[in-house]
N, C-alpha and C. Protein backbone atom coordinates (compact mmCIF):
# COMPACT_ATOMS: atom_id res chain seq x y z
N UNK A 1 24.93 -27.64 -47.70
CA UNK A 1 25.70 -26.69 -46.94
C UNK A 1 25.49 -26.96 -45.45
N UNK A 2 26.58 -27.10 -44.70
CA UNK A 2 26.51 -27.36 -43.26
C UNK A 2 26.43 -26.05 -42.51
N UNK A 3 25.58 -26.06 -41.48
CA UNK A 3 25.47 -24.89 -40.61
C UNK A 3 26.50 -25.02 -39.50
N UNK A 4 26.87 -23.91 -38.93
CA UNK A 4 27.82 -23.86 -37.83
C UNK A 4 27.17 -24.48 -36.59
N UNK A 5 27.68 -25.60 -36.07
CA UNK A 5 27.05 -26.23 -34.89
C UNK A 5 27.14 -25.35 -33.64
N UNK A 6 28.23 -24.57 -33.51
CA UNK A 6 28.36 -23.69 -32.36
C UNK A 6 27.36 -22.54 -32.43
N UNK A 7 27.10 -22.05 -33.60
CA UNK A 7 26.12 -20.98 -33.80
C UNK A 7 24.72 -21.47 -33.47
N UNK A 8 24.41 -22.72 -33.87
CA UNK A 8 23.11 -23.31 -33.55
C UNK A 8 22.96 -23.47 -32.03
N UNK A 9 24.03 -23.94 -31.37
CA UNK A 9 23.99 -24.11 -29.92
C UNK A 9 23.79 -22.77 -29.22
N UNK A 10 24.53 -21.75 -29.65
CA UNK A 10 24.40 -20.42 -29.05
C UNK A 10 23.00 -19.86 -29.26
N UNK A 11 22.44 -20.03 -30.44
CA UNK A 11 21.09 -19.54 -30.73
C UNK A 11 20.05 -20.26 -29.88
N UNK A 12 20.21 -21.56 -29.71
CA UNK A 12 19.29 -22.36 -28.90
C UNK A 12 19.36 -21.94 -27.43
N UNK A 13 20.59 -21.74 -26.91
CA UNK A 13 20.74 -21.30 -25.53
C UNK A 13 20.15 -19.92 -25.31
N UNK A 14 20.37 -19.02 -26.26
CA UNK A 14 19.84 -17.66 -26.16
C UNK A 14 18.31 -17.67 -26.10
N UNK A 15 17.69 -18.46 -26.96
CA UNK A 15 16.23 -18.56 -26.98
C UNK A 15 15.71 -19.17 -25.69
N UNK A 16 16.40 -20.20 -25.18
CA UNK A 16 15.96 -20.87 -23.96
C UNK A 16 16.07 -19.95 -22.74
N UNK A 17 17.18 -19.22 -22.63
CA UNK A 17 17.37 -18.30 -21.51
C UNK A 17 16.33 -17.19 -21.56
N UNK A 18 16.04 -16.67 -22.72
CA UNK A 18 15.03 -15.63 -22.87
C UNK A 18 13.65 -16.12 -22.46
N UNK A 19 13.32 -17.34 -22.83
CA UNK A 19 12.03 -17.93 -22.47
C UNK A 19 11.91 -18.09 -20.95
N UNK A 20 12.94 -18.61 -20.31
CA UNK A 20 12.91 -18.80 -18.86
C UNK A 20 12.89 -17.47 -18.11
N UNK A 21 13.57 -16.48 -18.62
CA UNK A 21 13.56 -15.16 -17.99
C UNK A 21 12.16 -14.55 -18.05
N UNK A 22 11.50 -14.64 -19.20
CA UNK A 22 10.14 -14.12 -19.33
C UNK A 22 9.18 -14.85 -18.39
N UNK A 23 9.33 -16.16 -18.26
CA UNK A 23 8.47 -16.93 -17.36
C UNK A 23 8.71 -16.53 -15.90
N UNK A 24 9.97 -16.34 -15.53
CA UNK A 24 10.30 -16.02 -14.15
C UNK A 24 9.79 -14.64 -13.76
N UNK A 25 9.86 -13.68 -14.67
CA UNK A 25 9.46 -12.32 -14.36
C UNK A 25 8.01 -12.02 -14.70
N UNK A 26 7.35 -12.94 -15.38
CA UNK A 26 5.97 -12.71 -15.81
C UNK A 26 5.01 -12.51 -14.66
N UNK A 27 5.16 -13.23 -13.56
CA UNK A 27 4.25 -13.12 -12.44
C UNK A 27 4.77 -12.28 -11.31
N UNK A 28 5.79 -11.48 -11.56
CA UNK A 28 6.40 -10.70 -10.50
C UNK A 28 6.33 -9.22 -10.87
N UNK A 29 6.16 -8.38 -9.87
CA UNK A 29 6.17 -6.94 -10.12
C UNK A 29 4.99 -6.26 -9.48
N UNK A 30 5.01 -4.94 -9.53
CA UNK A 30 3.94 -4.14 -8.95
C UNK A 30 2.84 -3.90 -9.97
N UNK A 31 1.62 -3.84 -9.49
CA UNK A 31 0.48 -3.62 -10.36
C UNK A 31 -0.58 -2.82 -9.59
N UNK A 32 -1.33 -2.01 -10.31
CA UNK A 32 -2.42 -1.27 -9.68
C UNK A 32 -3.66 -2.16 -9.59
N UNK A 33 -4.47 -1.88 -8.59
CA UNK A 33 -5.70 -2.64 -8.41
C UNK A 33 -6.73 -1.81 -7.68
N UNK A 34 -7.91 -2.41 -7.47
CA UNK A 34 -9.01 -1.75 -6.79
C UNK A 34 -9.56 -2.67 -5.71
N UNK A 35 -9.75 -2.14 -4.51
CA UNK A 35 -10.39 -2.90 -3.45
C UNK A 35 -11.88 -2.98 -3.76
N UNK A 36 -12.45 -4.17 -3.68
CA UNK A 36 -13.88 -4.36 -3.88
C UNK A 36 -14.51 -4.77 -2.55
N UNK A 37 -15.81 -4.92 -2.54
CA UNK A 37 -16.49 -5.30 -1.30
C UNK A 37 -16.17 -6.73 -0.90
N UNK A 38 -15.71 -7.54 -1.86
CA UNK A 38 -15.42 -8.94 -1.56
C UNK A 38 -13.97 -9.35 -1.80
N UNK A 39 -13.11 -8.41 -2.19
CA UNK A 39 -11.72 -8.79 -2.44
C UNK A 39 -10.91 -7.69 -3.11
N UNK A 40 -10.03 -8.11 -4.02
CA UNK A 40 -9.11 -7.23 -4.73
C UNK A 40 -9.16 -7.56 -6.21
N UNK A 41 -9.34 -6.53 -7.05
CA UNK A 41 -9.35 -6.70 -8.50
C UNK A 41 -8.12 -6.00 -9.06
N UNK A 42 -7.18 -6.80 -9.59
CA UNK A 42 -5.97 -6.23 -10.20
C UNK A 42 -6.27 -5.78 -11.62
N UNK A 43 -5.62 -4.70 -12.05
CA UNK A 43 -5.87 -4.16 -13.38
C UNK A 43 -5.45 -5.11 -14.49
N UNK A 44 -4.44 -5.95 -14.24
CA UNK A 44 -3.95 -6.82 -15.30
C UNK A 44 -4.40 -8.28 -15.15
N UNK A 45 -5.42 -8.53 -14.33
CA UNK A 45 -5.91 -9.89 -14.11
C UNK A 45 -7.43 -9.83 -14.10
N UNK A 46 -8.09 -10.68 -14.90
CA UNK A 46 -9.52 -10.53 -15.10
C UNK A 46 -10.38 -11.00 -13.93
N UNK A 47 -9.83 -11.81 -13.03
CA UNK A 47 -10.62 -12.34 -11.91
C UNK A 47 -10.33 -11.57 -10.63
N UNK A 48 -11.36 -11.46 -9.79
CA UNK A 48 -11.18 -10.85 -8.48
C UNK A 48 -10.50 -11.85 -7.55
N UNK A 49 -9.64 -11.34 -6.68
CA UNK A 49 -8.94 -12.20 -5.72
C UNK A 49 -9.53 -11.97 -4.33
N UNK A 50 -10.01 -13.03 -3.70
CA UNK A 50 -10.52 -12.90 -2.34
C UNK A 50 -9.40 -13.12 -1.32
N UNK A 51 -8.36 -13.83 -1.71
CA UNK A 51 -7.27 -14.17 -0.79
C UNK A 51 -6.05 -13.34 -1.15
N UNK A 52 -5.83 -12.26 -0.42
CA UNK A 52 -4.67 -11.40 -0.63
C UNK A 52 -4.17 -10.91 0.71
N UNK A 53 -2.96 -10.39 0.73
CA UNK A 53 -2.36 -9.90 1.97
C UNK A 53 -2.25 -8.38 1.93
N UNK A 54 -2.17 -7.77 3.11
CA UNK A 54 -2.02 -6.32 3.23
C UNK A 54 -0.82 -6.03 4.10
N UNK A 55 0.03 -5.11 3.66
CA UNK A 55 1.23 -4.76 4.41
C UNK A 55 0.88 -4.09 5.73
N UNK A 56 1.66 -4.40 6.74
CA UNK A 56 1.57 -3.74 8.04
C UNK A 56 2.98 -3.27 8.38
N UNK A 57 3.10 -2.05 8.84
CA UNK A 57 4.40 -1.47 9.08
C UNK A 57 4.63 -1.23 10.57
N UNK A 58 5.24 -2.19 11.27
CA UNK A 58 5.54 -1.98 12.68
C UNK A 58 6.82 -1.17 12.84
N UNK A 59 6.94 -0.50 13.98
CA UNK A 59 8.17 0.24 14.22
C UNK A 59 7.99 1.30 15.27
N UNK A 60 8.93 2.20 15.29
CA UNK A 60 8.95 3.32 16.23
C UNK A 60 8.35 4.54 15.54
N UNK A 61 7.31 5.11 16.12
CA UNK A 61 6.67 6.29 15.56
C UNK A 61 7.26 7.53 16.22
N UNK A 62 7.88 8.38 15.42
CA UNK A 62 8.49 9.61 15.93
C UNK A 62 7.59 10.78 15.56
N UNK A 63 7.12 11.52 16.57
CA UNK A 63 6.25 12.68 16.36
C UNK A 63 7.03 13.95 16.65
N UNK A 64 6.97 14.92 15.75
CA UNK A 64 7.68 16.18 15.99
C UNK A 64 6.92 17.04 17.00
N UNK A 65 7.56 18.08 17.46
CA UNK A 65 6.90 19.04 18.33
C UNK A 65 5.88 19.81 17.49
N UNK A 66 4.67 19.97 18.02
CA UNK A 66 3.66 20.69 17.26
C UNK A 66 2.63 21.33 18.19
N UNK A 67 1.81 22.21 17.59
CA UNK A 67 0.76 22.90 18.33
C UNK A 67 -0.56 22.65 17.63
N UNK A 68 -1.60 22.38 18.40
CA UNK A 68 -2.94 22.20 17.86
C UNK A 68 -3.85 23.24 18.49
N UNK A 69 -4.73 23.82 17.69
CA UNK A 69 -5.67 24.81 18.20
C UNK A 69 -7.03 24.13 18.25
N UNK A 70 -7.71 24.28 19.37
CA UNK A 70 -9.01 23.65 19.53
C UNK A 70 -9.79 24.27 20.66
N UNK A 71 -10.75 23.51 21.15
CA UNK A 71 -11.60 24.02 22.22
C UNK A 71 -11.57 23.06 23.39
N UNK A 72 -11.66 23.61 24.58
CA UNK A 72 -11.75 22.80 25.77
C UNK A 72 -13.15 22.98 26.34
N UNK A 73 -13.73 21.93 26.85
CA UNK A 73 -15.09 22.00 27.36
C UNK A 73 -16.08 21.57 26.29
N UNK A 74 -17.33 21.93 26.48
CA UNK A 74 -18.39 21.53 25.56
C UNK A 74 -19.05 22.76 24.97
N UNK A 75 -19.23 22.79 23.68
CA UNK A 75 -19.89 23.92 23.03
C UNK A 75 -21.41 23.72 23.11
N UNK A 76 -22.12 24.79 23.45
CA UNK A 76 -23.58 24.75 23.49
C UNK A 76 -24.12 25.98 22.80
N UNK A 77 -25.41 25.93 22.41
CA UNK A 77 -26.04 27.07 21.75
C UNK A 77 -26.52 28.13 22.75
N UNK A 78 -26.78 27.70 23.96
CA UNK A 78 -27.26 28.65 24.97
C UNK A 78 -26.12 29.05 25.89
N UNK A 79 -26.06 30.29 26.28
CA UNK A 79 -24.98 30.70 27.18
C UNK A 79 -25.12 30.03 28.55
N UNK A 80 -24.14 29.29 28.90
CA UNK A 80 -24.11 28.60 30.19
C UNK A 80 -22.64 28.50 30.56
N UNK A 81 -22.22 29.31 31.50
CA UNK A 81 -20.80 29.39 31.82
C UNK A 81 -20.23 28.05 32.26
N UNK A 82 -21.03 27.15 32.75
CA UNK A 82 -20.54 25.86 33.20
C UNK A 82 -20.13 24.94 32.06
N UNK A 83 -20.66 25.17 30.85
CA UNK A 83 -20.33 24.27 29.75
C UNK A 83 -19.88 24.99 28.49
N UNK A 84 -19.42 26.21 28.63
CA UNK A 84 -18.95 26.97 27.46
C UNK A 84 -17.54 26.51 27.09
N UNK A 85 -17.33 26.31 25.84
CA UNK A 85 -16.01 25.89 25.36
C UNK A 85 -15.11 27.11 25.22
N UNK A 86 -13.89 26.93 25.57
CA UNK A 86 -12.91 28.00 25.46
C UNK A 86 -11.92 27.64 24.37
N UNK A 87 -11.68 28.58 23.44
CA UNK A 87 -10.65 28.35 22.44
C UNK A 87 -9.29 28.37 23.12
N UNK A 88 -8.48 27.39 22.78
CA UNK A 88 -7.17 27.28 23.42
C UNK A 88 -6.18 26.62 22.47
N UNK A 89 -4.93 26.69 22.84
CA UNK A 89 -3.87 26.04 22.06
C UNK A 89 -3.29 24.91 22.89
N UNK A 90 -2.99 23.81 22.23
CA UNK A 90 -2.39 22.66 22.89
C UNK A 90 -0.99 22.47 22.33
N UNK A 91 -0.01 22.38 23.19
CA UNK A 91 1.38 22.22 22.76
C UNK A 91 1.84 20.81 23.10
N UNK A 92 2.44 20.15 22.10
CA UNK A 92 2.93 18.79 22.28
C UNK A 92 4.44 18.77 22.00
N UNK A 93 5.20 18.20 22.91
CA UNK A 93 6.64 18.07 22.72
C UNK A 93 6.94 16.93 21.77
N UNK A 94 8.15 16.96 21.23
CA UNK A 94 8.61 15.87 20.38
C UNK A 94 8.59 14.58 21.21
N UNK A 95 8.10 13.52 20.63
CA UNK A 95 8.01 12.26 21.36
C UNK A 95 8.14 11.07 20.42
N UNK A 96 8.41 9.93 21.01
CA UNK A 96 8.51 8.68 20.25
C UNK A 96 7.57 7.67 20.88
N UNK A 97 6.87 6.92 20.02
CA UNK A 97 5.94 5.89 20.48
C UNK A 97 6.51 4.54 20.05
N UNK A 98 6.99 3.74 21.00
CA UNK A 98 7.54 2.43 20.64
C UNK A 98 6.41 1.44 20.30
N UNK A 99 6.76 0.44 19.53
CA UNK A 99 5.83 -0.65 19.17
C UNK A 99 4.57 -0.16 18.47
N UNK A 100 4.67 0.93 17.72
CA UNK A 100 3.53 1.43 16.94
C UNK A 100 3.43 0.62 15.65
N UNK A 101 2.22 0.52 15.12
CA UNK A 101 2.02 -0.21 13.87
C UNK A 101 1.05 0.55 12.98
N UNK A 102 1.42 0.71 11.72
CA UNK A 102 0.55 1.30 10.73
C UNK A 102 -0.18 0.15 10.05
N UNK A 103 -1.48 0.03 10.31
CA UNK A 103 -2.27 -1.09 9.79
C UNK A 103 -3.06 -0.61 8.58
N UNK A 104 -2.50 -0.82 7.41
CA UNK A 104 -3.09 -0.35 6.17
C UNK A 104 -4.45 -0.98 5.92
N UNK A 105 -4.62 -2.24 6.24
CA UNK A 105 -5.87 -2.94 5.98
C UNK A 105 -7.06 -2.32 6.67
N UNK A 106 -6.84 -1.72 7.84
CA UNK A 106 -7.95 -1.12 8.59
C UNK A 106 -8.48 0.13 7.90
N UNK A 107 -7.69 0.77 7.06
CA UNK A 107 -8.11 2.00 6.40
C UNK A 107 -8.60 1.83 4.97
N UNK A 108 -8.55 0.62 4.44
CA UNK A 108 -8.97 0.40 3.05
C UNK A 108 -10.47 0.15 2.98
N UNK A 109 -11.09 0.70 1.92
CA UNK A 109 -12.52 0.48 1.72
C UNK A 109 -12.78 0.23 0.24
N UNK A 110 -13.92 -0.37 -0.10
CA UNK A 110 -14.23 -0.65 -1.50
C UNK A 110 -14.14 0.61 -2.36
N UNK A 111 -13.51 0.47 -3.50
CA UNK A 111 -13.31 1.59 -4.42
C UNK A 111 -11.94 2.21 -4.32
N UNK A 112 -11.20 1.93 -3.26
CA UNK A 112 -9.84 2.47 -3.11
C UNK A 112 -8.92 1.85 -4.15
N UNK A 113 -8.10 2.71 -4.76
CA UNK A 113 -7.07 2.25 -5.68
C UNK A 113 -5.83 1.93 -4.86
N UNK A 114 -5.18 0.79 -5.16
CA UNK A 114 -4.04 0.35 -4.38
C UNK A 114 -2.90 -0.08 -5.29
N UNK A 115 -1.70 -0.10 -4.71
CA UNK A 115 -0.53 -0.65 -5.38
C UNK A 115 -0.26 -2.00 -4.74
N UNK A 116 -0.21 -3.03 -5.55
CA UNK A 116 0.01 -4.38 -5.05
C UNK A 116 1.26 -4.96 -5.68
N UNK A 117 1.91 -5.86 -4.96
CA UNK A 117 3.13 -6.52 -5.44
C UNK A 117 2.89 -8.02 -5.42
N UNK A 118 3.24 -8.66 -6.52
CA UNK A 118 3.15 -10.13 -6.57
C UNK A 118 4.40 -10.72 -5.91
N UNK A 119 4.19 -11.76 -5.11
CA UNK A 119 5.28 -12.46 -4.44
C UNK A 119 5.09 -13.96 -4.62
N UNK A 120 6.09 -14.72 -4.20
CA UNK A 120 6.05 -16.19 -4.32
C UNK A 120 5.79 -16.63 -5.76
N UNK A 121 6.52 -16.02 -6.68
CA UNK A 121 6.38 -16.38 -8.09
C UNK A 121 5.06 -15.98 -8.69
N UNK A 122 4.39 -15.01 -8.09
CA UNK A 122 3.10 -14.55 -8.61
C UNK A 122 1.92 -15.25 -7.99
N UNK A 123 2.16 -16.18 -7.06
CA UNK A 123 1.05 -16.91 -6.44
C UNK A 123 0.32 -16.07 -5.40
N UNK A 124 0.99 -15.14 -4.75
CA UNK A 124 0.39 -14.31 -3.72
C UNK A 124 0.52 -12.84 -4.08
N UNK A 125 -0.38 -12.04 -3.54
CA UNK A 125 -0.38 -10.59 -3.78
C UNK A 125 -0.41 -9.87 -2.44
N UNK A 126 0.46 -8.86 -2.31
CA UNK A 126 0.50 -8.04 -1.10
C UNK A 126 0.15 -6.60 -1.48
N UNK A 127 -0.89 -6.05 -0.83
CA UNK A 127 -1.25 -4.65 -1.04
C UNK A 127 -0.27 -3.82 -0.21
N UNK A 128 0.44 -2.92 -0.87
CA UNK A 128 1.49 -2.13 -0.23
C UNK A 128 0.99 -0.78 0.25
N UNK A 129 0.14 -0.13 -0.54
CA UNK A 129 -0.35 1.19 -0.16
C UNK A 129 -1.58 1.57 -0.98
N UNK A 130 -2.27 2.59 -0.51
CA UNK A 130 -3.38 3.17 -1.28
C UNK A 130 -2.77 4.21 -2.21
N UNK A 131 -3.32 4.33 -3.41
CA UNK A 131 -2.81 5.27 -4.41
C UNK A 131 -3.84 6.36 -4.62
N UNK A 132 -3.38 7.62 -4.61
CA UNK A 132 -4.27 8.75 -4.82
C UNK A 132 -3.75 9.59 -5.97
N UNK A 133 -4.58 10.46 -6.47
CA UNK A 133 -4.22 11.35 -7.57
C UNK A 133 -3.13 12.32 -7.12
N UNK A 134 -2.24 12.66 -8.02
CA UNK A 134 -1.18 13.62 -7.72
C UNK A 134 -1.69 15.02 -7.56
N UNK A 135 -2.92 15.27 -7.98
CA UNK A 135 -3.51 16.61 -7.89
C UNK A 135 -4.36 16.79 -6.64
N UNK A 136 -4.33 15.81 -5.77
CA UNK A 136 -5.08 15.93 -4.52
C UNK A 136 -6.41 15.36 -4.64
C-alpha cells in the first residue's frame, strides 16, 4: 500500500517547523531570579550567572505638587533656643527634572527577587525590576 507523498511532506514540514519554533523560543522570555552576593541565580537555570545586565531607565522625571511635614533646625534633648527644631511644612511645586535616570542596579542587594528577560537568543540576561509580594 502506497502512502500519500503530499501527506508525508506536510507531516515532515509540520514537525520541522514545530521543532524550530521550540528551539527559537526556548531561550527567550521572562523568568524570576534571585540576586546573590556574586551574581544572579535564575529559577529555571541551575548555575549562577556572574555576567548579567541591569536595566537603566533614562528620561524626564515629572514630580507632582506635594507637601512634606518635617523639622527645621537640629533636635536636641536639652532646651536650647539656638538649636531647637521647629515643626514645619514644606511645599513643593510641580516640577520636571530633565536627564534623570533610574538606576536599578544601585538598589539591588543579595536576596532580592527580580524579573529578568533573556535576550540575544538566550545568551544574555537583563534584570528588568525587583519583584515584591502583592501583600506588601
